[in-house]
Amino acid sequence: MIQFTARRFLTTIPVLVGILAVTFILARLIPGEPCRAILGEKATEESCARFNKANGLDKPIAVQFAIFMGKVLQGDFGESIRFSRPVSLILIERLPMTIELSLSALTIAVVLGISAGVISAVRHNSAIDVGTMVTANVGVSMPVFWLGLMLAYVFALLLKDTPFWLPPSGRLSSGVTATPFYEAFEWTLQEGSLRFHIAEFLSNLYLLNSILTRDWEVLSDALKHLILPSVALSTIPLAIIARMTRSSLLEVLGLDYIRAARAKGVRERSVVMNHALRNSLLPVVTVIGLSLGGLLSGAVLTETIFGLAGVGRSLTEAITGRDYPIIQAFVVVIAVGYVLVNLVVDLSYAYLDPRIRLS
């Protein structure tokens, strides 16, 4: 198992380096210059030359990439051209929002998707099966931006005077403030230190922070603000997981050992849950892993519609403003997330199927 994990981990290194190299080059091939985006279209050549020199953009691309990789290995993503702030601080502020949104959407997709897929497979060709699959096809075909707008319109406008009202934007309501857990615990942390940055990052995960501080008002308010964007973002992966679970479970239910278990008088519930479901989860785990990677990188529209300052929305703004350090740092985070998710998927294969561990 250790050798299997080590092999999978080593194969991720060239993938990450390749992603960083391609992103670094493509960011500089975007039409327009950072100095024009920051200083304005009427910026003179002299001012652009000073701007490029101050930000290290006057060097050859190969030299810039070497400097960038050296800083990344030290955990330094540089300074934002647009905001003149360390990119790491912007990541600490924006990444927790995307993580909360992605994990919430994935939880909804996995729980409802697997449940719907199992029910459809067990009730094969019934009205429930047909209805579930039709709903799944609609979910796959429905644009996220349209669904987000419709959810906001229904729950924030049409139902505004009912108990079903839900907030259409933001992370917390006006007047609701989340106290960082390290302040609630009266910890003494040196500002700017690694421990301070880690604590700040964790405190920006409002759900986790409110549980640690036992601030149930903030927890309730944060959950209410997450419902609509999480539902909108979870629709497509939910439908895909439901369809994959159904098809995979149907295939396993037709195998000889399942028929043998039924012939021995094993209860149908035990046959499905204990014998068939685990063996049908390999392709489902793959879909779940890819879905999480897609959620981390594909929350741009959802964050924009619901006014959430996360990685996706910040990345879009950085591309528009030619803010290379933010583009590179956020792509690094997304790429690392994708690679780690795929590594977890590979390890889960080894757990679910012992033959893979021995290969």
Protein backbone atom coordinates (compact mmCIF):
# COMPACT_ATOMS: atom_id res chain seq x y z
CA MET A 1 0.00 0.00 0.00
CA ILE A 2 2.87 2.36 0.82
CA GLN A 3 4.56 1.66 -2.53
CA PHE A 4 1.24 2.17 -4.34
CA THR A 5 0.76 5.54 -2.60
CA ALA A 6 4.35 6.61 -3.29
CA ARG A 7 4.07 5.77 -7.01
CA ARG A 8 0.83 7.73 -7.35
CA PHE A 9 2.30 10.69 -5.48
CA LEU A 10 5.46 10.82 -7.62
CA THR A 11 3.42 10.83 -10.84
CA THR A 12 1.67 14.01 -9.71
CA ILE A 13 4.87 16.09 -9.64
CA PRO A 14 5.44 16.36 -13.44
CA VAL A 15 1.70 16.97 -13.88
CA LEU A 16 1.80 19.97 -11.53
CA VAL A 17 4.95 21.38 -13.15
CA GLY A 18 3.37 21.04 -16.59
CA ILE A 19 0.16 22.76 -15.48
CA LEU A 20 2.14 25.64 -13.95
CA ALA A 21 4.26 26.07 -17.08
CA VAL A 22 1.26 26.09 -19.43
CA THR A 23 -0.68 28.50 -17.19
CA PHE A 24 2.34 30.80 -16.84
CA ILE A 25 2.75 31.04 -20.61
CA LEU A 26 -0.95 31.32 -21.44
CA ALA A 27 -1.45 34.12 -18.90
CA ARG A 28 1.13 36.18 -20.78
CA LEU A 29 -0.41 35.41 -24.14
CA ILE A 30 -3.72 37.05 -23.15
CA PRO A 31 -4.21 40.17 -25.32
CA GLY A 32 -3.40 43.34 -23.42
CA GLU A 33 -0.68 44.38 -20.99
CA PRO A 34 -0.89 44.60 -17.18
CA CYS A 35 0.35 48.19 -17.24
CA ARG A 36 -2.50 49.24 -19.55
CA ALA A 37 -5.04 47.36 -17.41
CA ILE A 38 -3.75 48.95 -14.19
CA LEU A 39 -2.55 52.40 -15.32
CA GLY A 40 -5.10 52.90 -18.07
CA GLU A 41 -5.05 52.83 -21.86
CA LYS A 42 -3.33 56.23 -22.03
CA ALA A 43 -0.27 55.09 -20.09
CA THR A 44 2.98 56.16 -21.79
CA GLU A 45 5.74 53.79 -22.87
CA GLU A 46 8.02 55.20 -20.16
CA SER A 47 5.47 54.58 -17.40
CA CYS A 48 4.83 51.06 -18.74
CA ALA A 49 8.57 50.38 -18.77
CA ARG A 50 8.88 51.47 -15.14
CA PHE A 51 5.79 49.42 -14.24
CA ASN A 52 7.14 46.28 -15.93
CA LYS A 53 10.53 46.65 -14.28
CA ALA A 54 8.99 47.14 -10.84
CA ASN A 55 6.93 43.96 -11.26
CA GLY A 56 9.63 41.86 -12.92
CA LEU A 57 7.81 41.73 -16.24
CA ASP A 58 10.74 43.08 -18.24
CA LYS A 59 12.69 39.81 -17.99
CA PRO A 60 12.42 36.91 -20.50
CA ILE A 61 9.53 34.51 -19.84
CA ALA A 62 11.91 31.65 -19.03
CA VAL A 63 13.62 33.75 -16.35
CA GLN A 64 10.25 34.88 -14.96
CA PHE A 65 9.09 31.25 -14.76
CA ALA A 66 12.28 30.15 -12.99
CA ILE A 67 11.85 32.97 -10.43
CA PHE A 68 8.17 32.07 -10.01
CA MET A 69 8.91 28.35 -9.42
CA GLY A 70 11.61 29.23 -6.91
CA LYS A 71 9.17 31.37 -4.95
CA VAL A 72 6.40 28.76 -5.14
CA LEU A 73 8.69 26.14 -3.63
CA GLN A 74 9.17 28.54 -0.71
CA GLY A 75 5.42 29.12 -0.40
CA ASP A 76 5.66 32.66 -1.80
CA PHE A 77 3.16 33.54 -4.54
CA GLY A 78 4.38 37.09 -4.91
CA GLU A 79 2.39 40.31 -4.71
CA SER A 80 -0.77 41.22 -6.57
CA ILE A 81 -0.13 43.75 -9.34
CA ARG A 82 -3.61 45.19 -8.98
CA PHE A 83 -3.97 45.34 -5.19
CA SER A 84 -0.30 45.58 -4.12
CA ARG A 85 -0.94 42.92 -1.49
CA PRO A 86 0.67 39.50 -0.96
CA VAL A 87 -1.28 36.94 -2.96
CA SER A 88 -1.13 34.52 -0.03
CA LEU A 89 -3.28 36.91 2.02
CA ILE A 90 -5.84 37.11 -0.78
CA LEU A 91 -5.89 33.30 -0.92
CA ILE A 92 -6.48 33.15 2.84
CA GLU A 93 -9.48 35.46 2.40
CA ARG A 94 -11.01 33.95 -0.76
CA LEU A 95 -10.19 30.22 -0.75
CA PRO A 96 -12.28 29.29 2.36
CA MET A 97 -15.45 30.51 0.63
CA THR A 98 -14.85 28.26 -2.38
CA ILE A 99 -13.96 25.29 -0.16
CA GLU A 100 -17.17 25.66 1.86
CA LEU A 101 -19.28 26.05 -1.27
CA SER A 102 -17.65 23.11 -3.07
CA LEU A 103 -17.85 20.72 -0.12
CA SER A 104 -21.46 21.69 0.59
CA ALA A 105 -22.43 21.14 -3.05
CA LEU A 106 -20.52 17.84 -3.17
CA THR A 107 -22.24 16.62 0.01
CA ILE A 108 -25.64 17.31 -1.50
CA ALA A 109 -24.63 15.67 -4.79
CA VAL A 110 -23.17 12.53 -3.17
CA VAL A 111 -25.95 11.91 -0.64
CA LEU A 112 -28.85 12.53 -2.99
CA GLY A 113 -27.10 11.16 -6.10
CA ILE A 114 -26.13 7.79 -4.61
CA SER A 115 -29.50 7.45 -2.89
CA ALA A 116 -31.37 8.20 -6.11
CA GLY A 117 -29.14 5.84 -8.09
CA VAL A 118 -29.64 2.96 -5.65
CA ILE A 119 -33.42 3.44 -5.59
CA SER A 120 -33.55 3.56 -9.39
CA ALA A 121 -31.47 0.39 -9.72
CA VAL A 122 -33.55 -1.51 -7.15
CA ARG A 123 -36.81 -0.30 -8.75
CA HIS A 124 -35.53 -0.85 -12.29
CA ASN A 125 -38.04 0.12 -15.03
CA SER A 126 -40.58 1.32 -12.48
CA ALA A 127 -42.19 4.77 -12.42
CA ILE A 128 -39.71 5.82 -9.73
CA ASP A 129 -36.79 4.76 -11.94
CA VAL A 130 -38.12 6.61 -14.98
CA GLY A 131 -38.92 9.73 -12.97
CA THR A 132 -35.51 9.78 -11.31
CA MET A 133 -33.62 9.40 -14.57
CA VAL A 134 -35.73 12.04 -16.33
CA THR A 135 -34.99 14.41 -13.45
CA ALA A 136 -31.28 13.54 -13.70
CA ASN A 137 -31.25 14.29 -17.43
CA VAL A 138 -32.93 17.63 -16.78
CA GLY A 139 -30.35 18.36 -14.07
CA VAL A 140 -27.42 17.64 -16.40
CA SER A 141 -28.92 19.87 -19.12
CA MET A 142 -29.82 22.81 -16.88
CA PRO A 143 -27.34 25.75 -17.01
CA VAL A 144 -26.02 26.62 -13.57
CA PHE A 145 -26.36 30.37 -14.10
CA TRP A 146 -30.04 30.02 -15.09
CA LEU A 147 -30.82 27.73 -12.15
CA GLY A 148 -29.04 30.10 -9.77
CA LEU A 149 -31.06 33.06 -10.98
CA MET A 150 -34.32 31.08 -10.74
CA LEU A 151 -33.54 29.90 -7.21
CA ALA A 152 -32.73 33.45 -6.13
CA TYR A 153 -35.91 34.74 -7.78
CA VAL A 154 -38.16 32.13 -6.15
CA PHE A 155 -36.70 31.88 -2.65
CA ALA A 156 -35.51 35.45 -2.18
CA LEU A 157 -38.30 37.34 -3.98
CA LEU A 158 -41.47 35.28 -4.37
CA LEU A 159 -41.14 33.69 -0.92
CA LYS A 160 -39.75 36.73 0.89
CA ASP A 161 -42.68 36.91 3.34
CA THR A 162 -42.74 33.19 4.12
CA PRO A 163 -40.67 30.92 6.38
CA PHE A 164 -39.05 29.49 3.23
CA TRP A 165 -37.24 32.75 2.41
CA LEU A 166 -33.51 32.33 1.78
CA PRO A 167 -30.84 35.04 1.29
CA PRO A 168 -29.80 35.53 -2.36
CA SER A 169 -26.24 36.78 -1.84
CA GLY A 170 -23.33 37.14 0.55
CA ARG A 171 -21.97 34.85 3.25
CA LEU A 172 -23.54 36.48 6.32
CA SER A 173 -26.46 38.82 6.91
CA SER A 174 -25.89 42.47 7.72
CA GLY A 175 -25.16 42.86 11.42
CA VAL A 176 -24.02 39.25 11.88
CA THR A 177 -20.29 39.05 12.60
CA ALA A 178 -18.14 35.96 12.94
CA THR A 179 -15.57 36.24 15.74
CA PRO A 180 -12.37 34.35 14.82
CA PHE A 181 -11.92 31.33 17.06
CA TYR A 182 -8.39 32.35 18.08
CA GLU A 183 -9.79 35.62 19.43
CA ALA A 184 -12.62 33.80 21.23
CA PHE A 185 -10.06 31.46 22.82
CA GLU A 186 -7.79 34.46 23.59
CA TRP A 187 -4.83 32.93 21.82
CA THR A 188 -1.76 35.13 21.42
CA LEU A 189 -0.56 34.85 17.84
CA GLN A 190 2.12 36.96 16.21
CA GLU A 191 0.59 38.71 13.21
CA GLY A 192 2.26 37.61 10.01
CA SER A 193 3.49 34.30 11.41
CA LEU A 194 2.63 30.93 9.87
CA ARG A 195 0.41 30.00 12.84
CA PHE A 196 -1.46 33.29 12.46
CA HIS A 197 -2.08 32.70 8.75
CA ILE A 198 -3.31 29.14 9.39
CA ALA A 199 -5.63 30.36 12.15
CA GLU A 200 -6.88 33.18 9.90
CA PHE A 201 -7.55 30.71 7.08
CA LEU A 202 -9.49 28.37 9.37
CA SER A 203 -11.47 31.25 10.89
CA ASN A 204 -12.59 32.24 7.38
CA LEU A 205 -14.28 28.84 7.12
CA TYR A 206 -17.38 30.25 8.77
CA LEU A 207 -19.07 26.90 9.39
CA LEU A 208 -16.03 25.45 11.13
CA ASN A 209 -15.29 28.69 12.96
CA SER A 210 -18.86 29.02 14.30
CA ILE A 211 -18.81 25.41 15.54
CA LEU A 212 -15.49 25.95 17.32
CA THR A 213 -16.77 29.16 18.96
CA ARG A 214 -20.26 27.67 19.53
CA ASP A 215 -21.81 30.69 17.85
CA TRP A 216 -25.01 29.04 16.65
CA GLU A 217 -26.43 32.30 15.26
CA VAL A 218 -23.51 32.63 12.83
CA LEU A 219 -23.70 28.92 11.98
CA SER A 220 -27.41 29.14 11.18
CA ASP A 221 -26.96 32.32 9.14
CA ALA A 222 -23.97 30.94 7.21
CA LEU A 223 -25.89 27.74 6.39
CA LYS A 224 -28.86 29.74 5.12
CA HIS A 225 -26.57 31.71 2.80
CA LEU A 226 -24.99 28.49 1.50
CA ILE A 227 -28.21 26.67 0.61
CA LEU A 228 -29.05 28.34 -2.70
CA PRO A 229 -25.53 28.44 -4.21
CA SER A 230 -24.82 24.89 -3.02
CA VAL A 231 -28.03 23.55 -4.57
CA ALA A 232 -27.35 25.38 -7.84
CA LEU A 233 -23.76 24.12 -8.00
CA SER A 234 -24.63 20.54 -7.01
CA THR A 235 -27.25 19.94 -9.72
CA ILE A 236 -24.99 18.67 -12.50
CA PRO A 237 -22.72 16.42 -10.36
CA LEU A 238 -25.81 15.10 -8.54
CA ALA A 239 -27.38 14.02 -11.81
CA ILE A 240 -24.15 12.44 -13.07
CA ILE A 241 -23.57 10.55 -9.80
CA ALA A 242 -27.18 9.28 -9.81
CA ARG A 243 -26.91 7.97 -13.38
CA MET A 244 -23.51 6.38 -12.79
CA THR A 245 -24.64 4.72 -9.53
CA ARG A 246 -27.72 3.30 -11.23
CA SER A 247 -25.87 1.86 -14.23
CA SER A 248 -22.99 0.46 -12.17
CA LEU A 249 -25.29 -1.11 -9.56
CA LEU A 250 -27.51 -2.64 -12.23
CA GLU A 251 -24.46 -4.27 -13.79
CA VAL A 252 -23.31 -5.72 -10.45
CA LEU A 253 -26.81 -6.94 -9.54
CA GLY A 254 -26.75 -9.11 -12.64
CA LEU A 255 -23.54 -10.98 -11.68
CA ASP A 256 -23.44 -14.63 -10.62
CA TYR A 257 -22.44 -14.09 -6.98
CA ILE A 258 -25.46 -11.82 -6.47
CA ARG A 259 -27.77 -14.51 -7.85
CA ALA A 260 -26.05 -17.03 -5.57
CA ALA A 261 -26.62 -14.79 -2.53
CA ARG A 262 -30.30 -14.46 -3.41
CA ALA A 263 -30.57 -18.24 -3.93
CA LYS A 264 -29.21 -18.76 -0.41
CA GLY A 265 -32.04 -16.67 0.98
CA VAL A 266 -30.07 -13.54 1.85
CA ARG A 267 -32.39 -10.58 2.41
CA GLU A 268 -32.64 -8.24 -0.60
CA ARG A 269 -31.59 -5.23 1.47
CA SER A 270 -28.43 -7.07 2.56
CA VAL A 271 -27.74 -8.21 -1.02
CA VAL A 272 -27.89 -4.63 -2.31
CA MET A 273 -26.17 -2.78 0.53
CA ASN A 274 -23.57 -5.33 1.70
CA HIS A 275 -22.73 -7.27 -1.45
CA ALA A 276 -23.53 -5.19 -4.53
CA LEU A 277 -23.13 -1.53 -3.57
CA ARG A 278 -19.47 -1.62 -2.52
CA ASN A 279 -18.42 -3.43 -5.69
CA SER A 280 -20.33 -0.92 -7.80
CA LEU A 281 -18.66 2.12 -6.21
CA LEU A 282 -15.41 2.19 -8.22
CA PRO A 283 -16.77 4.16 -11.20
CA VAL A 284 -18.90 6.25 -8.82
CA VAL A 285 -15.82 7.23 -6.80
CA THR A 286 -14.15 8.37 -10.03
CA VAL A 287 -17.12 10.58 -10.85
CA ILE A 288 -17.18 12.00 -7.31
CA GLY A 289 -13.48 12.85 -7.49
CA LEU A 290 -13.80 14.56 -10.85
CA SER A 291 -16.90 16.37 -9.60
CA LEU A 292 -15.04 17.83 -6.62
CA GLY A 293 -12.22 19.03 -8.86
CA GLY A 294 -14.79 20.54 -11.19
CA LEU A 295 -16.58 22.24 -8.32
CA LEU A 296 -13.36 23.83 -7.07
CA SER A 297 -12.58 25.27 -10.48
CA GLY A 298 -16.06 25.75 -11.89
CA ALA A 299 -17.74 27.85 -9.22
CA VAL A 300 -17.15 31.07 -11.18
CA LEU A 301 -20.75 31.58 -12.31
CA THR A 302 -22.23 30.50 -8.99
CA GLU A 303 -20.01 32.84 -6.99
CA THR A 304 -20.78 35.71 -9.35
CA ILE A 305 -24.56 35.18 -9.28
CA PHE A 306 -24.74 34.91 -5.50
CA GLY A 307 -22.19 37.65 -4.76
CA LEU A 308 -19.63 35.35 -3.14
CA ALA A 309 -16.00 36.46 -3.03
CA GLY A 310 -14.34 33.13 -3.73
CA VAL A 311 -11.55 31.77 -5.89
CA GLY A 312 -13.62 31.52 -9.08
CA ARG A 313 -14.84 35.10 -9.02
CA SER A 314 -11.39 36.42 -8.03
CA LEU A 315 -9.74 34.45 -10.83
CA THR A 316 -12.11 35.98 -13.38
CA GLU A 317 -11.34 39.48 -12.10
CA ALA A 318 -7.61 38.74 -12.17
CA ILE A 319 -7.76 37.55 -15.80
CA THR A 320 -9.65 40.71 -16.77
CA GLY A 321 -7.12 42.89 -14.92
CA ARG A 322 -4.06 40.93 -16.20
CA ASP A 323 -3.02 40.29 -12.58
CA TYR A 324 -0.53 37.51 -13.31
CA PRO A 325 0.44 36.63 -9.70
CA ILE A 326 -3.20 36.03 -8.70
CA ILE A 327 -3.89 34.01 -11.86
CA GLN A 328 -0.83 31.83 -11.25
CA ALA A 329 -1.47 31.35 -7.53
CA PHE A 330 -5.14 30.47 -7.92
CA VAL A 331 -4.38 28.04 -10.75
CA VAL A 332 -1.74 26.44 -8.51
CA VAL A 333 -4.37 25.96 -5.80
CA ILE A 334 -6.93 24.53 -8.25
CA ALA A 335 -4.32 22.24 -9.83
CA VAL A 336 -3.13 20.98 -6.44
CA GLY A 337 -6.76 20.40 -5.46
CA TYR A 338 -7.37 18.39 -8.64
CA VAL A 339 -4.21 16.33 -8.15
CA LEU A 340 -4.94 15.62 -4.47
CA VAL A 341 -8.51 14.61 -5.28
CA ASN A 342 -7.28 12.22 -7.96
CA LEU A 343 -4.72 10.82 -5.52
CA VAL A 344 -7.47 10.20 -2.97
CA VAL A 345 -9.55 8.54 -5.70
CA ASP A 346 -6.65 6.23 -6.56
CA LEU A 347 -6.17 5.34 -2.89
CA SER A 348 -9.89 4.69 -2.50
CA TYR A 349 -9.63 2.27 -5.43
CA ALA A 350 -7.01 0.35 -3.49
CA TYR A 351 -9.28 0.30 -0.46
CA LEU A 352 -12.38 -0.81 -2.35
CA ASP A 353 -10.59 -3.38 -4.55
CA PRO A 354 -7.73 -5.34 -2.89
CA ARG A 355 -6.55 -6.53 -6.32
CA ILE A 356 -5.35 -2.98 -7.09
CA ARG A 357 -3.20 -2.92 -3.94
CA LEU A 358 -1.46 -6.10 -5.04
CA SER A 359 -0.89 -4.98 -8.63
